[in-house]
C-alpha atoms as a PDB file:
ATOM      1  CA  MET A   1       4.453  21.746 -10.236  1.00  0.00           C
ATOM      2  CA  ASN A   2       2.481  18.626  -9.511  1.00  0.00           C
ATOM      3  CA  GLY A   3       4.810  15.298  -9.381  1.00  0.00           C
ATOM      4  CA  THR A   4       7.879  17.428  -9.246  1.00  0.00           C
ATOM      5  CA  PHE A   5      10.381  18.247  -6.662  1.00  0.00           C
ATOM      6  CA  PHE A   6       8.726  21.358  -5.891  1.00  0.00           C
ATOM      7  CA  SER A   7       5.580  20.344  -5.183  1.00  0.00           C
ATOM      8  CA  LEU A   8       6.348  19.319  -1.652  1.00  0.00           C
ATOM      9  CA  ASN A   9       5.428  21.964   0.624  1.00  0.00           C
ATOM     10  CA  PRO A  10       6.123  21.683   4.532  1.00  0.00           C
ATOM     11  CA  GLY A  11       3.459  24.596   5.002  1.00  0.00           C
ATOM     12  CA  ALA A  12       0.897  22.821   3.037  1.00  0.00           C
ATOM     13  CA  ASN A  13      -2.466  22.528   5.307  1.00  0.00           C
ATOM     14  CA  ILE A  14      -2.347  18.847   5.872  1.00  0.00           C
ATOM     15  CA  PHE A  15       0.751  19.185   7.774  1.00  0.00           C
ATOM     16  CA  LYS A  16      -0.302  22.061   9.595  1.00  0.00           C
ATOM     17  CA  GLU A  17      -3.811  20.694  10.499  1.00  0.00           C
ATOM     18  CA  ILE A  18      -2.090  17.352  11.731  1.00  0.00           C
ATOM     19  CA  LYS A  19       0.067  19.045  14.074  1.00  0.00           C
ATOM     20  CA  ILE A  20      -2.782  21.716  15.401  1.00  0.00           C
ATOM     21  CA  GLN A  21      -5.664  19.269  15.888  1.00  0.00           C
ATOM     22  CA  GLN A  22      -3.385  16.174  16.835  1.00  0.00           C
ATOM     23  CA  PRO A  23      -6.362  13.838  16.015  1.00  0.00           C
ATOM     24  CA  LYS A  24      -6.650  10.611  17.752  1.00  0.00           C
ATOM     25  CA  TRP A  25      -6.430   8.233  14.305  1.00  0.00           C
ATOM     26  CA  TRP A  26      -3.152   9.772  13.541  1.00  0.00           C
ATOM     27  CA  THR A  27      -1.857   9.034  16.899  1.00  0.00           C
ATOM     28  CA  LEU A  28      -3.172   5.466  16.065  1.00  0.00           C
ATOM     29  CA  LEU A  29      -1.440   5.188  12.793  1.00  0.00           C
ATOM     30  CA  ARG A  30       1.850   6.589  13.813  1.00  0.00           C
ATOM     31  CA  GLU A  31       2.239   4.311  16.789  1.00  0.00           C
ATOM     32  CA  ASP A  32       1.183   1.260  15.129  1.00  0.00           C
ATOM     33  CA  LYS A  33       4.676  -0.555  14.968  1.00  0.00           C
ATOM     34  CA  GLU A  34       3.511  -2.670  11.798  1.00  0.00           C
ATOM     35  CA  LEU A  35       2.823   0.386   9.680  1.00  0.00           C
ATOM     36  CA  TYR A  36       4.922   2.759   8.221  1.00  0.00           C
ATOM     37  CA  ILE A  37       3.914   6.421   6.925  1.00  0.00           C
ATOM     38  CA  GLU A  38       5.170   7.927   3.679  1.00  0.00           C
ATOM     39  CA  ILE A  39       4.824  11.735   2.694  1.00  0.00           C
ATOM     40  CA  ARG A  40       4.226  12.033  -0.979  1.00  0.00           C
ATOM     41  CA  LYS A  41       5.365  15.320  -3.517  1.00  0.00           C
ATOM     42  CA  ASP A  42       1.929  16.409  -3.925  1.00  0.00           C
ATOM     43  CA  ASN A  43       1.543  17.019  -0.193  1.00  0.00           C
ATOM     44  CA  TYR A  44      -0.527  13.851   0.836  1.00  0.00           C
ATOM     45  CA  ILE A  45       0.108  10.933   2.903  1.00  0.00           C
ATOM     46  CA  ASN A  46      -0.029   7.178   2.197  1.00  0.00           C
ATOM     47  CA  VAL A  47       0.012   4.954   5.220  1.00  0.00           C
ATOM     48  CA  TYR A  48       1.138   1.028   4.482  1.00  0.00           C
ATOM     49  CA  TYR A  49       0.852  -2.334   5.713  1.00  0.00           C
ATOM     50  CA  HIS A  50       3.908  -4.657   3.928  1.00  0.00           C
ATOM     51  CA  GLY A  51       3.061  -2.229   0.879  1.00  0.00           C
ATOM     52  CA  GLY A  52      -0.287  -2.619   0.810  1.00  0.00           C
ATOM     53  CA  CYS A  53      -1.613   0.802   0.973  1.00  0.00           C
ATOM     54  CA  LEU A  54      -3.867   1.223   3.944  1.00  0.00           C
ATOM     55  CA  ALA A  55      -4.937   4.754   3.606  1.00  0.00           C
ATOM     56  CA  LYS A  56      -4.095   7.517   1.422  1.00  0.00           C
ATOM     57  CA  ILE A  57      -4.786  10.625   3.515  1.00  0.00           C
ATOM     58  CA  GLU A  58      -5.296  14.156   1.812  1.00  0.00           C
ATOM     59  CA  TYR A  59      -6.734  17.411   3.223  1.00  0.00           C
ATOM     60  CA  LYS A  60      -9.337  19.308   1.285  1.00  0.00           C
ATOM     61  CA  ASN A  61     -11.391  21.434   3.843  1.00  0.00           C
ATOM     62  CA  GLY A  62     -10.898  18.711   6.016  1.00  0.00           C
ATOM     63  CA  PHE A  63      -9.268  15.248   6.242  1.00  0.00           C
ATOM     64  CA  ILE A  64     -10.139  12.917   3.792  1.00  0.00           C
ATOM     65  CA  ALA A  65      -8.758   8.703   3.838  1.00  0.00           C
ATOM     66  CA  LYS A  66      -9.112   6.482   0.998  1.00  0.00           C
ATOM     67  CA  THR A  67      -8.511   2.771   0.864  1.00  0.00           C
ATOM     68  CA  HIS A  68      -9.284  -0.082  -1.625  1.00  0.00           C
ATOM     69  CA  GLN A  69     -12.574  -1.423  -1.606  1.00  0.00           C
ATOM     70  CA  LYS A  70     -11.490  -4.788  -0.767  1.00  0.00           C
ATOM     71  CA  TYR A  71      -9.691  -3.773   2.427  1.00  0.00           C
ATOM     72  CA  LEU A  72     -12.967  -2.751   3.583  1.00  0.00           C
ATOM     73  CA  GLY A  73     -14.650  -6.010   2.986  1.00  0.00           C
ATOM     74  CA  ASP A  74     -16.344  -5.384  -0.541  1.00  0.00           C
ATOM     75  CA  CYS A  75     -15.004  -7.634  -3.271  1.00  0.00           C
ATOM     76  CA  GLU A  76     -17.664  -7.030  -5.728  1.00  0.00           C
ATOM     77  CA  PRO A  77     -16.275  -5.531  -8.992  1.00  0.00           C
ATOM     78  CA  ARG A  78     -17.923  -2.364 -10.175  1.00  0.00           C
ATOM     79  CA  GLY A  79     -18.027  -2.970 -13.527  1.00  0.00           C
ATOM     80  CA  LYS A  80     -15.284  -3.773 -16.107  1.00  0.00           C
ATOM     81  CA  GLY A  81     -12.223  -1.769 -17.056  1.00  0.00           C
ATOM     82  CA  ASN A  82     -11.120  -0.795 -20.346  1.00  0.00           C
ATOM     83  CA  LYS A  83      -9.298  -3.942 -20.854  1.00  0.00           C
ATOM     84  CA  GLY A  84     -12.419  -6.149 -19.860  1.00  0.00           C
ATOM     85  CA  THR A  85     -11.046  -6.788 -16.621  1.00  0.00           C
ATOM     86  CA  ASP A  86     -13.012  -6.641 -13.306  1.00  0.00           C
ATOM     87  CA  LYS A  87     -12.868  -2.757 -11.923  1.00  0.00           C
ATOM     88  CA  PHE A  88     -12.141  -2.083  -8.324  1.00  0.00           C
ATOM     89  CA  GLU A  89     -12.228   1.328  -6.664  1.00  0.00           C
ATOM     90  CA  TYR A  90     -11.024   3.014  -3.734  1.00  0.00           C
ATOM     91  CA  ASP A  91     -13.596   3.998  -0.809  1.00  0.00           C
ATOM     92  CA  THR A  92     -13.583   6.805   1.995  1.00  0.00           C
ATOM     93  CA  ILE A  93     -12.513   5.783   5.571  1.00  0.00           C
ATOM     94  CA  ASP A  94     -14.582   7.542   8.145  1.00  0.00           C
ATOM     95  CA  LEU A  95     -11.728   8.694  10.258  1.00  0.00           C
ATOM     96  CA  ALA A  96     -13.624   9.541  13.222  1.00  0.00           C
ATOM     97  CA  LYS A  97     -14.365   5.862  13.308  1.00  0.00           C
ATOM     98  CA  LEU A  98     -10.759   4.587  12.823  1.00  0.00           C
ATOM     99  CA  ASP A  99      -9.982   2.620  15.609  1.00  0.00           C
ATOM    100  CA  ASN A 100      -7.472  -0.864  16.329  1.00  0.00           C
ATOM    101  CA  THR A 101     -10.070  -2.899  15.510  1.00  0.00           C
ATOM    102  CA  LEU A 102     -10.398  -1.551  11.763  1.00  0.00           C
ATOM    103  CA  ILE A 103      -7.117  -1.383  11.078  1.00  0.00           C
ATOM    104  CA  ILE A 104      -6.604  -5.090  12.501  1.00  0.00           C
ATOM    105  CA  ASN A 105      -9.409  -6.005   9.917  1.00  0.00           C
ATOM    106  CA  ILE A 106      -7.760  -3.801   7.034  1.00  0.00           C
ATOM    107  CA  LYS A 107      -4.539  -5.629   7.639  1.00  0.00           C
ATOM    108  CA  GLU A 108      -6.019  -8.892   7.670  1.00  0.00           C
ATOM    109  CA  ARG A 109      -7.716  -8.126   3.988  1.00  0.00           C
ATOM    110  CA  ILE A 110      -4.473  -6.813   2.750  1.00  0.00           C
ATOM    111  CA  LYS A 111      -2.923 -10.183   3.941  1.00  0.00           C
ATOM    112  CA  ILE A 112      -5.291 -12.068   1.970  1.00  0.00           C
ATOM    113  CA  ASP A 113      -5.639  -9.905  -1.282  1.00  0.00           C
ATOM    114  CA  TYR A 114      -2.258  -8.428  -1.656  1.00  0.00           C
ATOM    115  CA  LEU A 115       0.395 -10.526   0.172  1.00  0.00           C
ATOM    116  CA  ARG A 116       1.057 -13.936  -0.878  1.00  0.00           C
ATOM    117  CA  HIS A 117       3.244 -16.865  -0.211  1.00  0.00           C
ATOM    118  CA  ILE A 118       4.432 -15.235   3.324  1.00  0.00           C
ATOM    119  CA  GLU A 119       5.356 -18.352   4.717  1.00  0.00           C
ATOM    120  CA  ASN A 120       7.403 -20.116   2.003  1.00  0.00           C
ATOM    121  CA  GLU A 121      10.339 -19.438   0.049  1.00  0.00           C
ATOM    122  CA  LYS A 122       8.857 -16.964  -2.415  1.00  0.00           C
ATOM    123  CA  PRO A 123       7.452 -14.156   0.142  1.00  0.00           C
ATOM    124  CA  THR A 124       6.352 -11.002  -2.136  1.00  0.00           C
ATOM    125  CA  GLU A 125       8.688  -8.294  -2.803  1.00  0.00           C
ATOM    126  CA  LYS A 126       6.424  -5.678  -0.874  1.00  0.00           C
ATOM    127  CA  TRP A 127       6.350  -7.985   2.143  1.00  0.00           C
ATOM    128  CA  ILE A 128      10.160  -8.192   2.114  1.00  0.00           C
ATOM    129  CA  GLN A 129      10.092  -4.337   1.910  1.00  0.00           C
ATOM    130  CA  GLY A 130       7.703  -3.865   4.604  1.00  0.00           C
ATOM    131  CA  LYS A 131       9.943  -5.778   7.085  1.00  0.00           C
ATOM    132  CA  LEU A 132      12.964  -3.879   6.168  1.00  0.00           C
ATOM    133  CA  ILE A 133      11.405  -0.319   6.576  1.00  0.00           C
ATOM    134  CA  THR A 134       9.749  -1.571   9.955  1.00  0.00           C
ATOM    135  CA  GLY A 135      12.801  -3.136  10.889  1.00  0.00           C
ATOM    136  CA  TYR A 136      15.557  -0.575  10.335  1.00  0.00           C
ATOM    137  CA  SER A 137      15.036   3.286  11.005  1.00  0.00           C
ATOM    138  CA  LYS A 138      17.765   4.020   8.350  1.00  0.00           C
ATOM    139  CA  TYR A 139      14.941   3.839   5.537  1.00  0.00           C
ATOM    140  CA  ILE A 140      13.249   7.100   5.426  1.00  0.00           C
ATOM    141  CA  ASP A 141      11.302   6.787   2.034  1.00  0.00           C
ATOM    142  CA  SER A 142       9.803   4.310  -0.280  1.00  0.00           C
ATOM    143  CA  GLU A 143       8.373   3.807  -3.745  1.00  0.00           C
ATOM    144  CA  PHE A 144       9.722   7.154  -4.833  1.00  0.00           C
ATOM    145  CA  GLN A 145       8.246   7.579  -8.383  1.00  0.00           C
ATOM    146  CA  PHE A 146       9.440  10.116 -10.908  1.00  0.00           C
ATOM    147  CA  ASN A 147       7.840  10.427 -14.340  1.00  0.00           C
ATOM    148  CA  LYS A 148       8.574  14.027 -15.487  1.00  0.00           C
ATOM    149  CA  ASP A 149      11.712  13.096 -17.488  1.00  0.00           C
ATOM    150  CA  ILE A 150      11.617  11.673 -21.129  1.00  0.00           C
ATOM    151  CA  GLU A 151      14.921  10.740 -21.160  1.00  0.00           C
ATOM    152  CA  ILE A 152      14.747   8.781 -18.010  1.00  0.00           C
ATOM    153  CA  GLY A 153      11.128   7.572 -18.430  1.00  0.00           C
ATOM    154  CA  ARG A 154       8.950   6.277 -15.808  1.00  0.00           C
ATOM    155  CA  LEU A 155      10.674   5.120 -12.442  1.00  0.00           C
ATOM    156  CA  ARG A 156       9.896   3.746  -9.026  1.00  0.00           C
ATOM    157  CA  ILE A 157      12.626   3.236  -6.659  1.00  0.00           C
ATOM    158  CA  ASP A 158      11.797   0.821  -3.534  1.00  0.00           C
ATOM    159  CA  LEU A 159      13.668   2.462  -0.651  1.00  0.00           C
ATOM    160  CA  ILE A 160      15.633   5.538   0.073  1.00  0.00           C
ATOM    161  CA  GLU A 161      18.410   4.993   2.963  1.00  0.00           C
ATOM    162  CA  LEU A 162      19.761   7.683   5.138  1.00  0.00           C
ATOM    163  CA  SER A 163      22.972   6.453   6.908  1.00  0.00           C
ATOM    164  CA  ASN A 164      25.966   8.614   8.162  1.00  0.00           C
ATOM    165  CA  ASP A 165      24.358  11.559   6.288  1.00  0.00           C
ATOM    166  CA  VAL A 166      24.566   9.885   2.962  1.00  0.00           C
ATOM    167  CA  LEU A 167      21.218   9.325   1.041  1.00  0.00           C
ATOM    168  CA  SER A 168      21.273   6.281  -1.120  1.00  0.00           C
ATOM    169  CA  PHE A 169      18.519   4.967  -3.473  1.00  0.00           C
ATOM    170  CA  VAL A 170      18.071   1.226  -3.099  1.00  0.00           C
ATOM    171  CA  GLU A 171      16.455  -1.625  -5.449  1.00  0.00           C
ATOM    172  CA  LEU A 172      15.027  -4.505  -3.922  1.00  0.00           C
ATOM    173  CA  LYS A 173      14.806  -7.974  -5.464  1.00  0.00           C
ATOM    174  CA  GLY A 174      14.047 -11.255  -3.897  1.00  0.00           C
ATOM    175  CA  ILE A 175      16.536 -14.311  -5.072  1.00  0.00           C
ATOM    176  CA  PHE A 176      14.055 -15.589  -7.589  1.00  0.00           C
ATOM    177  CA  ASP A 177      13.278 -12.672  -9.626  1.00  0.00           C
ATOM    178  CA  SER A 178      13.974 -13.608 -13.058  1.00  0.00           C
ATOM    179  CA  ARG A 179      15.336  -9.971 -14.151  1.00  0.00           C
ATOM    180  CA  LEU A 180      18.737 -10.803 -12.111  1.00  0.00           C
ATOM    181  CA  ARG A 181      20.237 -12.613 -14.620  1.00  0.00           C
ATOM    182  CA  ASN A 182      20.471 -13.627 -18.316  1.00  0.00           C
ATOM    183  CA  ASP A 183      18.191 -16.465 -19.001  1.00  0.00           C
ATOM    184  CA  GLU A 184      18.742 -18.461 -22.366  1.00  0.00           C
ATOM    185  CA  TYR A 185      14.840 -18.586 -22.973  1.00  0.00           C
ATOM    186  CA  ARG A 186      13.278 -15.488 -21.483  1.00  0.00           C
ATOM    187  CA  ASN A 187      15.925 -12.823 -21.176  1.00  0.00           C
ATOM    188  CA  PRO A 188      18.879 -13.927 -23.373  1.00  0.00           C
ATOM    189  CA  LYS A 189      20.129  -9.987 -23.878  1.00  0.00           C
ATOM    190  CA  VAL A 190      21.048  -7.659 -20.943  1.00  0.00           C
ATOM    191  CA  PRO A 191      18.688  -8.553 -17.912  1.00  0.00           C
ATOM    192  CA  GLU A 192      16.358  -5.898 -16.873  1.00  0.00           C
ATOM    193  CA  ILE A 193      17.984  -5.312 -13.436  1.00  0.00           C
ATOM    194  CA  ILE A 194      21.156  -3.825 -15.420  1.00  0.00           C
ATOM    195  CA  GLU A 195      19.008  -1.224 -17.191  1.00  0.00           C
ATOM    196  CA  GLN A 196      17.180  -0.399 -14.106  1.00  0.00           C
ATOM    197  CA  MET A 197      20.330   0.411 -12.025  1.00  0.00           C
ATOM    198  CA  ASP A 198      21.747   2.381 -15.341  1.00  0.00           C
ATOM    199  CA  LYS A 199      18.289   4.551 -15.104  1.00  0.00           C
ATOM    200  CA  TYR A 200      18.439   5.202 -11.605  1.00  0.00           C
ATOM    201  CA  LYS A 201      22.070   6.163 -12.052  1.00  0.00           C
ATOM    202  CA  LEU A 202      21.117   8.468 -14.604  1.00  0.00           C
ATOM    203  CA  PHE A 203      18.206  10.090 -12.637  1.00  0.00           C
ATOM    204  CA  ILE A 204      20.405  10.321  -9.416  1.00  0.00           C
ATOM    205  CA  ASN A 205      23.363  12.085 -11.454  1.00  0.00           C
ATOM    206  CA  LYS A 206      21.100  14.760 -13.398  1.00  0.00           C
ATOM    207  CA  TYR A 207      18.637  15.702 -10.495  1.00  0.00           C
ATOM    208  CA  GLU A 208      21.553  15.413  -7.790  1.00  0.00           C
ATOM    209  CA  ASN A 209      20.896  19.064  -6.287  1.00  0.00           C
ATOM    210  CA  ASP A 210      16.783  18.735  -6.427  1.00  0.00           C
ATOM    211  CA  ILE A 211      17.191  15.523  -4.831  1.00  0.00           C
ATOM    212  CA  ILE A 212      18.885  16.628  -1.817  1.00  0.00           C
ATOM    213  CA  GLU A 213      16.726  19.681  -1.239  1.00  0.00           C
ATOM    214  CA  TYR A 214      13.672  17.516  -1.590  1.00  0.00           C
ATOM    215  CA  TYR A 215      14.698  15.066   0.904  1.00  0.00           C
ATOM    216  CA  LYS A 216      15.736  17.930   3.313  1.00  0.00           C
ATOM    217  CA  LYS A 217      12.133  19.053   3.207  1.00  0.00           C
ATOM    218  CA  LEU A 218      10.650  15.482   3.334  1.00  0.00           C
ATOM    219  CA  ILE A 219      12.822  15.144   6.636  1.00  0.00           C
ATOM    220  CA  GLU A 220      11.602  18.364   8.033  1.00  0.00           C
ATOM    221  CA  ILE A 221       8.131  17.416   7.422  1.00  0.00           C
ATOM    222  CA  LYS A 222       8.537  13.792   8.939  1.00  0.00           C
ATOM    223  CA  ASN A 223      10.106  15.390  11.849  1.00  0.00           C
ATOM    224  CA  SER A 224       7.372  17.770  12.750  1.00  0.00           C
ATOM    225  CA  LEU A 225       4.748  15.201  12.498  1.00  0.00           C
ATOM    226  CA  GLY A 226       6.751  12.868  15.003  1.00  0.00           C
ATOM    227  CA  LEU A 227       7.504  10.242  12.384  1.00  0.00           C
ATOM    228  CA  THR A 228      11.349  10.658  12.574  1.00  0.00           C
ATOM    229  CA  THR A 229      13.972  12.565  14.665  1.00  0.00           C
ATOM    230  CA  ILE A 230      16.546  13.274  12.212  1.00  0.00           C
ATOM    231  CA  TYR A 231      18.388  16.285  12.336  1.00  0.00           C
ATOM    232  CA  LYS A 232      21.202  16.620   9.832  1.00  0.00           C
ATOM    233  CA  ASN A 233      22.841  19.919   9.042  1.00  0.00           C
ATOM    234  CA  LYS A 234      24.246  18.269   5.445  1.00  0.00           C
ATOM    235  CA  ILE A 235      23.259  15.530   3.449  1.00  0.00           C
ATOM    236  CA  GLU A 236      25.439  13.990   0.673  1.00  0.00           C
ATOM    237  CA  LEU A 237      24.059  11.870  -2.182  1.00  0.00           C
ATOM    238  CA  ASN A 238      25.153   8.644  -2.913  1.00  0.00           C
ATOM    239  CA  LYS A 239      25.811   8.662  -6.818  1.00  0.00           C
ATOM    240  CA  LYS A 240      25.505   5.106  -7.455  1.00  0.00           C
ATOM    241  CA  PRO A 241      22.333   3.395  -6.748  1.00  0.00           C
ATOM    242  CA  LYS A 242      22.330   0.316  -4.124  1.00  0.00           C
ATOM    243  CA  LEU A 243      20.897  -3.265  -4.858  1.00  0.00           C
ATOM    244  CA  ILE A 244      19.451  -5.447  -2.183  1.00  0.00           C
ATOM    245  CA  ILE A 245      18.826  -8.717  -3.179  1.00  0.00           C
ATOM    246  CA  VAL A 246      16.859 -10.708  -0.242  1.00  0.00           C
ATOM    247  CA  ASN A 247      18.021 -14.529  -0.114  1.00  0.00           C
ATOM    248  CA  THR A 248      14.810 -16.545   0.966  1.00  0.00           C
ATOM    249  CA  TYR A 249      16.315 -19.872   0.025  1.00  0.00           C
ATOM    250  CA  LYS A 250      15.339 -22.283   2.861  1.00  0.00           C
ATOM    251  CA  LYS A 251      17.671 -25.044   1.304  1.00  0.00           C
ATOM    252  CA  MET A 252      20.592 -24.832  -0.910  1.00  0.00           C
ATOM    253  CA  THR A 253      21.106 -26.990  -4.273  1.00  0.00           C
ATOM    254  CA  LYS A 254      23.915 -27.146  -6.711  1.00  0.00           C
ATOM    255  CA  GLY A 255      21.167 -25.175  -9.062  1.00  0.00           C
ATOM    256  CA  ARG A 256      20.957 -22.639  -6.699  1.00  0.00           C
ATOM    257  CA  GLU A 257      24.444 -22.205  -5.596  1.00  0.00           C
ATOM    258  CA  ALA A 258      25.194 -21.723  -9.510  1.00  0.00           C
ATOM    259  CA  ARG A 259      22.391 -19.162  -9.915  1.00  0.00           C
ATOM    260  CA  ILE A 260      24.037 -17.053  -7.095  1.00  0.00           C
ATOM    261  CA  ARG A 261      27.270 -17.306  -8.629  1.00  0.00           C
ATOM    262  CA  ASP A 262      25.804 -16.207 -12.113  1.00  0.00           C
ATOM    263  CA  ILE A 263      24.052 -13.273 -10.584  1.00  0.00           C
ATOM    264  CA  LYS A 264      27.325 -12.007  -8.738  1.00  0.00           C
ATOM    265  CA  TYR A 265      29.372 -12.424 -12.003  1.00  0.00           C
ATOM    266  CA  LEU A 266      26.796 -10.378 -14.086  1.00  0.00           C
ATOM    267  CA  LEU A 267      26.415  -7.535 -11.208  1.00  0.00           C
ATOM    268  CA  ASP A 268      30.130  -7.439 -10.698  1.00  0.00           C
ATOM    269  CA  LYS A 269      30.880  -7.199 -14.658  1.00  0.00           C
ATOM    270  CA  HIS A 270      28.509  -3.925 -14.825  1.00  0.00           C
ATOM    271  CA  GLU A 271      30.129  -2.563 -11.534  1.00  0.00           C
ATOM    272  CA  ILE A 272      26.671  -2.681  -9.698  1.00  0.00           C
ATOM    273  CA  ASN A 273      26.740  -1.986  -6.068  1.00  0.00           C
ATOM    274  CA  TYR A 274      25.047  -4.704  -4.339  1.00  0.00           C
ATOM    275  CA  ILE A 275      24.568  -6.885  -1.301  1.00  0.00           C
ATOM    276  CA  PHE A 276      22.804 -10.171  -0.427  1.00  0.00           C
ATOM    277  CA  GLU A 277      20.485 -10.322   2.746  1.00  0.00           C
END
């Protein structure tokens, strides 16, 4: 059952105990407007700051929270990985000591280690994603993963939108992303974005009923934890995934205008549902 639509359980201990205990750390995380909290299929919680996981929270005879060792100030590698790269691990956060100061410190370390180029034309996609999620209540989930179908393969979808009772899966790309168009040297065939959107469409149509029931449960959990106030009797599923392209150009040139035209031509040709923001 792990990793499937059916593993999400509104009656899981983690959700029941948060409602019963109303711990102070939960209120701190929930009320921080820079953070967003996602419910995961196997009944745990991820707390994000612009895509950087500030905390993964589980319940095993008590609440357990972990974060990347670097976010707690430990930047020393703990050995080597299989490919000879530096190995880093996840350390426990003492939730009894979680306060605004610790949250601020973790945020600052996420900025240093995980986010780049925030002030220039090429902010990380995760930073853009975080701005969209915290700025618009219509995004009810992010980083949705599904790895249980050989035909579809591994997929991770950036955003899930609920607007006017319609649920849509949304892929997010920055304007500089090379996967958005054909490239004579690096990508002479079908751009990766077309393959991505086709795979998402296959997934949506193959699992329509399971997706709808899954998100009904997820909304029930988020409502019960005070994360959302969404009450829908009926949810429909958009059969076509959406693509959001975020234009962070600060100055237009003829080359950039041509790039945008090329991208639009390609997406129109393949009948991709897209918008520029």
